[in-house]
C-alpha cells in the first residue's frame, strides 16, 4: 500500500508570517497522524522561511514517539549558515527514517527539478553513504524524463522521488496522458534497477488517484501544499482521511 507522508512546511510558513508559536507545527503534525497519516515530511531550507532546525528536532521526537516515519528533505550541497547547521547535521540529529535529497537553490520558491546524475552522482555518492550510515533510507528527487537513473542506483540511492509538478500541470490542462507515461516509465526503470519509488509535488485529491492507478508500485507520496490548502476548508482530520480513502480505493482496485 502507498504510504501518505504529510508535509507540514506550510504550517510553519503561516506561523513565521506572524511570529510566535501559532499555529504549532508539532500539533498540526500530531493531528495528521491521529487522522491516520503514515508519516511526516519537512523540508528545512537554509533561509529558514518555514520549518527551522528546532522544528526538525521536535518532529523527530514526535515521530519516534508515534512510531512513524520522518522524511527529511533538503539539498545536501547547501553549506551551513547561521540558524541552519546543514542537511547532514540535521539528519545526524534527527535520524530520519528517510532522507530525500533535492537539488534546490536558495532562490527557488519551491523544488522544481530533479538531479542531473551525469553531473551530480559522484558528489552524491559519499553523502548518500553517510546518510545510510545514520540508518536513513535515501531517496533522490528526479524528473519524469530522467535519463541517467543507473547512476543514481550506482551512487547508492534506495529510492527515487518522482517530481510530479509537470503531471499536475498536465492534469489541470486536461491532457496528462504523455506525462503519466513518462512517470510510469521512470518508475519501472527505477524498480528494474532495484530502487523503490516515491512521488511528490502538487499531488492533490483531484489528481492522486489517476497517478496511482497508472504509475506502478508507488511506495510513498508526500503531500503538503494541496493538503494544507484543502484542510483550510474541510479540516485536517477529514482531509487526511480523504487522501487515505483515495489510496485505499486504488489498492483495493489493484487486488
Protein backbone atom coordinates (compact mmCIF):
# COMPACT_ATOMS: atom_id res chain seq x y z
CA UNK A 1 0.00 0.00 0.00
CA UNK A 2 1.17 3.52 -0.75
CA UNK A 3 2.11 5.45 2.40
CA UNK A 4 0.93 9.04 2.91
CA UNK A 5 3.53 11.37 4.41
CA UNK A 6 2.12 14.81 5.18
CA UNK A 7 4.42 17.78 4.59
CA UNK A 8 3.80 20.39 7.31
CA UNK A 9 6.05 23.14 5.90
CA UNK A 10 3.05 25.38 5.20
CA UNK A 11 2.07 25.34 8.87
CA UNK A 12 5.47 26.85 9.64
CA UNK A 13 5.06 29.44 6.87
CA UNK A 14 1.85 30.66 8.49
CA UNK A 15 3.47 30.71 11.95
CA UNK A 16 6.52 32.60 10.69
CA UNK A 17 4.39 35.23 8.97
CA UNK A 18 3.20 36.44 12.38
CA UNK A 19 5.95 35.29 14.73
CA UNK A 20 5.35 33.39 17.94
CA UNK A 21 4.33 29.76 18.16
CA UNK A 22 0.94 29.58 16.43
CA UNK A 23 -0.04 27.62 14.51
CA UNK A 24 2.01 24.92 16.20
CA UNK A 25 3.85 22.70 13.69
CA UNK A 26 4.06 19.73 16.05
CA UNK A 27 0.39 19.97 16.99
CA UNK A 28 -0.56 20.03 13.32
CA UNK A 29 1.67 17.02 12.62
CA UNK A 30 0.11 15.17 15.55
CA UNK A 31 -3.37 15.91 14.17
CA UNK A 32 -2.34 14.44 10.80
CA UNK A 33 -1.02 11.29 12.47
CA UNK A 34 -4.16 10.98 14.58
CA UNK A 35 -6.17 11.07 11.35
CA UNK A 36 -4.15 8.12 10.03
CA UNK A 37 -1.24 9.63 8.08
CA UNK A 38 1.68 7.23 7.87
CA UNK A 39 4.44 9.80 8.35
CA UNK A 40 5.55 13.41 8.37
CA UNK A 41 7.69 15.24 5.81
CA UNK A 42 9.54 18.52 6.23
CA UNK A 43 11.98 20.40 4.02
CA UNK A 44 14.08 22.78 6.12
CA UNK A 45 15.75 25.40 3.90
CA UNK A 46 18.85 27.42 4.68
CA UNK A 47 16.86 30.68 4.62
CA UNK A 48 14.55 29.29 7.37
CA UNK A 49 11.47 30.57 5.58
CA UNK A 50 9.37 27.74 7.00
CA UNK A 51 10.45 24.81 9.21
CA UNK A 52 13.56 25.51 11.25
CA UNK A 53 16.15 23.29 12.89
CA UNK A 54 14.23 23.32 16.21
CA UNK A 55 11.09 22.16 14.37
CA UNK A 56 13.05 19.23 12.94
CA UNK A 57 14.20 18.26 16.43
CA UNK A 58 10.66 18.41 17.80
CA UNK A 59 9.18 16.47 14.88
CA UNK A 60 11.87 13.82 15.24
CA UNK A 61 10.75 13.34 18.85
CA UNK A 62 7.09 13.20 17.81
CA UNK A 63 7.57 10.65 15.04
CA UNK A 64 9.75 8.43 17.23
CA UNK A 65 7.12 8.55 19.96
CA UNK A 66 4.35 7.76 17.45
CA UNK A 67 6.33 5.00 15.72
CA UNK A 68 6.01 6.55 12.26
CA UNK A 69 8.50 7.74 9.67
CA UNK A 70 10.03 11.19 9.45
CA UNK A 71 11.05 12.13 5.92
CA UNK A 72 13.60 14.93 5.93
CA UNK A 73 14.12 16.69 2.59
CA UNK A 74 16.94 19.01 1.62
CA UNK A 75 19.88 19.90 -0.56
CA UNK A 76 22.97 18.09 0.76
CA UNK A 77 25.23 20.52 -1.11
CA UNK A 78 23.90 23.67 0.62
CA UNK A 79 26.51 24.97 3.08
CA UNK A 80 25.71 25.56 6.77
CA UNK A 81 24.99 29.10 7.92
CA UNK A 82 23.58 30.87 10.96
CA UNK A 83 20.49 29.04 12.11
CA UNK A 84 20.94 26.24 9.56
CA UNK A 85 23.51 23.60 10.51
CA UNK A 86 23.44 21.86 7.12
CA UNK A 87 21.36 18.96 5.88
CA UNK A 88 23.68 16.17 7.04
CA UNK A 89 23.96 17.69 10.52
CA UNK A 90 20.16 17.89 10.75
CA UNK A 91 19.93 14.24 9.72
CA UNK A 92 22.54 13.27 12.30
CA UNK A 93 20.43 14.98 14.98
CA UNK A 94 17.02 13.76 13.81
CA UNK A 95 17.95 10.32 12.40
CA UNK A 96 15.03 10.39 9.95
CA UNK A 97 13.74 7.12 8.53
CA UNK A 98 14.17 8.68 5.11
CA UNK A 99 16.40 11.44 3.77
CA UNK A 100 15.19 12.84 0.45
CA UNK A 101 17.86 14.71 -1.46
CA UNK A 102 16.64 17.64 -3.57
CA UNK A 103 18.79 19.93 -5.78
CA UNK A 104 17.09 23.20 -4.87
CA UNK A 105 18.82 26.55 -4.56
CA UNK A 106 18.17 29.28 -2.01
CA UNK A 107 16.30 31.39 -4.54
CA UNK A 108 13.72 28.77 -5.50
CA UNK A 109 10.17 29.29 -4.29
CA UNK A 110 9.74 25.52 -4.28
CA UNK A 111 11.54 22.44 -5.59
CA UNK A 112 11.03 22.39 -9.35
CA UNK A 113 13.51 19.92 -10.90
CA UNK A 114 15.37 16.72 -10.20
CA UNK A 115 19.07 15.90 -10.11
CA UNK A 116 21.31 15.71 -13.15
CA UNK A 117 23.08 12.48 -12.24
CA UNK A 118 25.59 12.83 -15.06
CA UNK A 119 26.81 15.89 -13.20
CA UNK A 120 25.94 15.13 -9.56
CA UNK A 121 26.25 11.37 -8.98
CA UNK A 122 29.92 11.40 -7.98
CA UNK A 123 29.33 14.16 -5.42
CA UNK A 124 26.19 12.47 -4.12
CA UNK A 125 27.74 9.05 -3.55
CA UNK A 126 29.74 9.82 -0.36
CA UNK A 127 26.87 11.87 1.06
CA UNK A 128 24.43 9.04 0.44
CA UNK A 129 26.84 6.68 2.19
CA UNK A 130 26.99 8.99 5.22
CA UNK A 131 23.21 9.19 5.43
CA UNK A 132 22.80 5.44 5.16
CA UNK A 133 25.38 5.02 7.94
CA UNK A 134 22.99 7.04 10.14
CA UNK A 135 20.28 4.46 9.44
CA UNK A 136 18.33 6.59 6.97
CA UNK A 137 16.88 5.32 3.72
CA UNK A 138 17.93 7.68 0.93
CA UNK A 139 15.65 8.92 -1.83
CA UNK A 140 16.67 11.26 -4.65
CA UNK A 141 14.42 13.74 -6.46
CA UNK A 142 14.14 13.02 -10.18
CA UNK A 143 12.37 14.40 -13.22
CA UNK A 144 9.96 12.11 -15.03
CA UNK A 145 12.23 12.11 -18.09
CA UNK A 146 15.43 11.39 -16.14
CA UNK A 147 17.82 9.56 -18.46
CA UNK A 148 20.57 8.53 -16.03
CA UNK A 149 18.86 6.57 -13.27
CA UNK A 150 21.53 3.88 -13.37
CA UNK A 151 23.97 6.45 -11.97
CA UNK A 152 21.58 7.18 -9.10
CA UNK A 153 21.45 3.49 -8.32
CA UNK A 154 25.23 3.21 -8.54
CA UNK A 155 25.56 6.14 -6.13
CA UNK A 156 23.61 4.13 -3.57
CA UNK A 157 20.12 5.65 -3.68
CA UNK A 158 17.44 3.40 -2.20
CA UNK A 159 14.54 5.18 -3.83
CA UNK A 160 13.65 7.92 -6.27
CA UNK A 161 11.01 10.55 -5.71
CA UNK A 162 9.31 11.48 -8.97
CA UNK A 163 8.80 15.23 -9.33
CA UNK A 164 5.08 15.34 -10.15
CA UNK A 165 4.68 19.08 -10.77
CA UNK A 166 4.50 18.67 -14.58
CA UNK A 167 1.95 15.88 -14.15
CA UNK A 168 -0.27 18.13 -12.01
CA UNK A 169 0.00 20.92 -14.58
CA UNK A 170 -0.93 18.49 -17.35
CA UNK A 171 -4.00 17.36 -15.42
CA UNK A 172 -5.08 20.97 -14.99
CA UNK A 173 -4.77 21.42 -18.76
CA UNK A 174 -6.88 18.33 -19.39
CA UNK A 175 -4.27 16.09 -21.02
CA UNK A 176 -1.99 14.15 -18.69
CA UNK A 177 -1.50 11.04 -20.83
CA UNK A 178 2.03 11.82 -22.04
CA UNK A 179 3.29 12.95 -18.62
CA UNK A 180 1.72 9.93 -16.93
CA UNK A 181 3.53 7.69 -19.42
CA UNK A 182 6.84 9.35 -18.52
CA UNK A 183 6.16 8.90 -14.81
CA UNK A 184 5.24 5.25 -15.35
CA UNK A 185 8.37 4.61 -17.39
CA UNK A 186 10.75 6.24 -14.92
CA UNK A 187 9.13 4.27 -12.09
CA UNK A 188 9.56 1.00 -13.93
CA UNK A 189 13.15 1.79 -14.76
CA UNK A 190 13.94 2.62 -11.14
CA UNK A 191 12.34 -0.61 -9.99
CA UNK A 192 14.32 -2.60 -12.55
CA UNK A 193 17.47 -1.08 -11.02
CA UNK A 194 16.44 -2.16 -7.53
CA UNK A 195 15.19 1.22 -6.31
CA UNK A 196 11.81 1.96 -4.76
CA UNK A 197 9.53 4.74 -6.00
CA UNK A 198 8.11 7.73 -4.15
CA UNK A 199 6.32 10.73 -5.61
CA UNK A 200 5.59 14.28 -4.64
CA UNK A 201 4.84 17.87 -5.62
CA UNK A 202 1.40 19.30 -6.42
CA UNK A 203 -0.35 15.98 -5.88
CA UNK A 204 -3.89 16.62 -4.66
CA UNK A 205 -7.26 14.98 -4.17
CA UNK A 206 -8.03 15.94 -7.77
CA UNK A 207 -5.14 14.01 -9.34
CA UNK A 208 -3.77 11.45 -6.86
CA UNK A 209 -5.99 8.55 -7.85
CA UNK A 210 -5.20 8.92 -11.56
CA UNK A 211 -1.48 8.98 -10.78
CA UNK A 212 -1.52 5.91 -8.53
CA UNK A 213 -3.67 3.92 -10.94
CA UNK A 214 -1.16 4.39 -13.76
CA UNK A 215 2.23 4.53 -12.04
CA UNK A 216 3.08 1.10 -10.60
CA UNK A 217 4.32 0.32 -7.12
CA UNK A 218 4.47 3.80 -5.59
CA UNK A 219 5.65 3.28 -2.03
CA UNK A 220 5.04 6.77 -0.66
CA UNK A 221 3.53 10.10 -1.62
CA UNK A 222 4.48 13.25 0.28
CA UNK A 223 1.77 15.89 0.06
CA UNK A 224 1.80 19.30 1.69
CA UNK A 225 0.65 22.40 -0.17
CA UNK A 226 -2.58 20.97 -1.57
CA UNK A 227 -3.43 19.04 1.59
CA UNK A 228 -2.97 22.04 3.88
CA UNK A 229 -4.89 24.27 1.45
CA UNK A 230 -7.78 21.80 1.32
CA UNK A 231 -7.71 21.49 5.11
CA UNK A 232 -8.48 25.19 5.46
CA UNK A 233 -11.95 24.34 4.22
CA UNK A 234 -12.54 20.81 5.47
CA UNK A 235 -10.20 20.46 8.45
CA UNK A 236 -7.02 18.44 8.81
CA UNK A 237 -8.64 15.25 10.07
CA UNK A 238 -11.18 14.93 7.26
CA UNK A 239 -8.67 15.97 4.59
CA UNK A 240 -6.06 13.39 5.65
CA UNK A 241 -8.75 10.72 5.72
CA UNK A 242 -9.90 11.73 2.22
CA UNK A 243 -6.37 11.07 0.92
CA UNK A 244 -6.20 7.74 2.71
CA UNK A 245 -9.53 6.75 1.14
CA UNK A 246 -8.12 7.50 -2.33
CA UNK A 247 -5.05 5.36 -1.64
CA UNK A 248 -7.22 2.52 -0.30
CA UNK A 249 -9.52 2.68 -3.33
CA UNK A 250 -6.55 2.26 -5.67
CA UNK A 251 -5.11 -0.56 -3.57
CA UNK A 252 -8.45 -2.40 -3.50
CA UNK A 253 -8.86 -1.96 -7.23
CA UNK A 254 -5.41 -3.48 -7.87
CA UNK A 255 -6.06 -6.68 -5.95
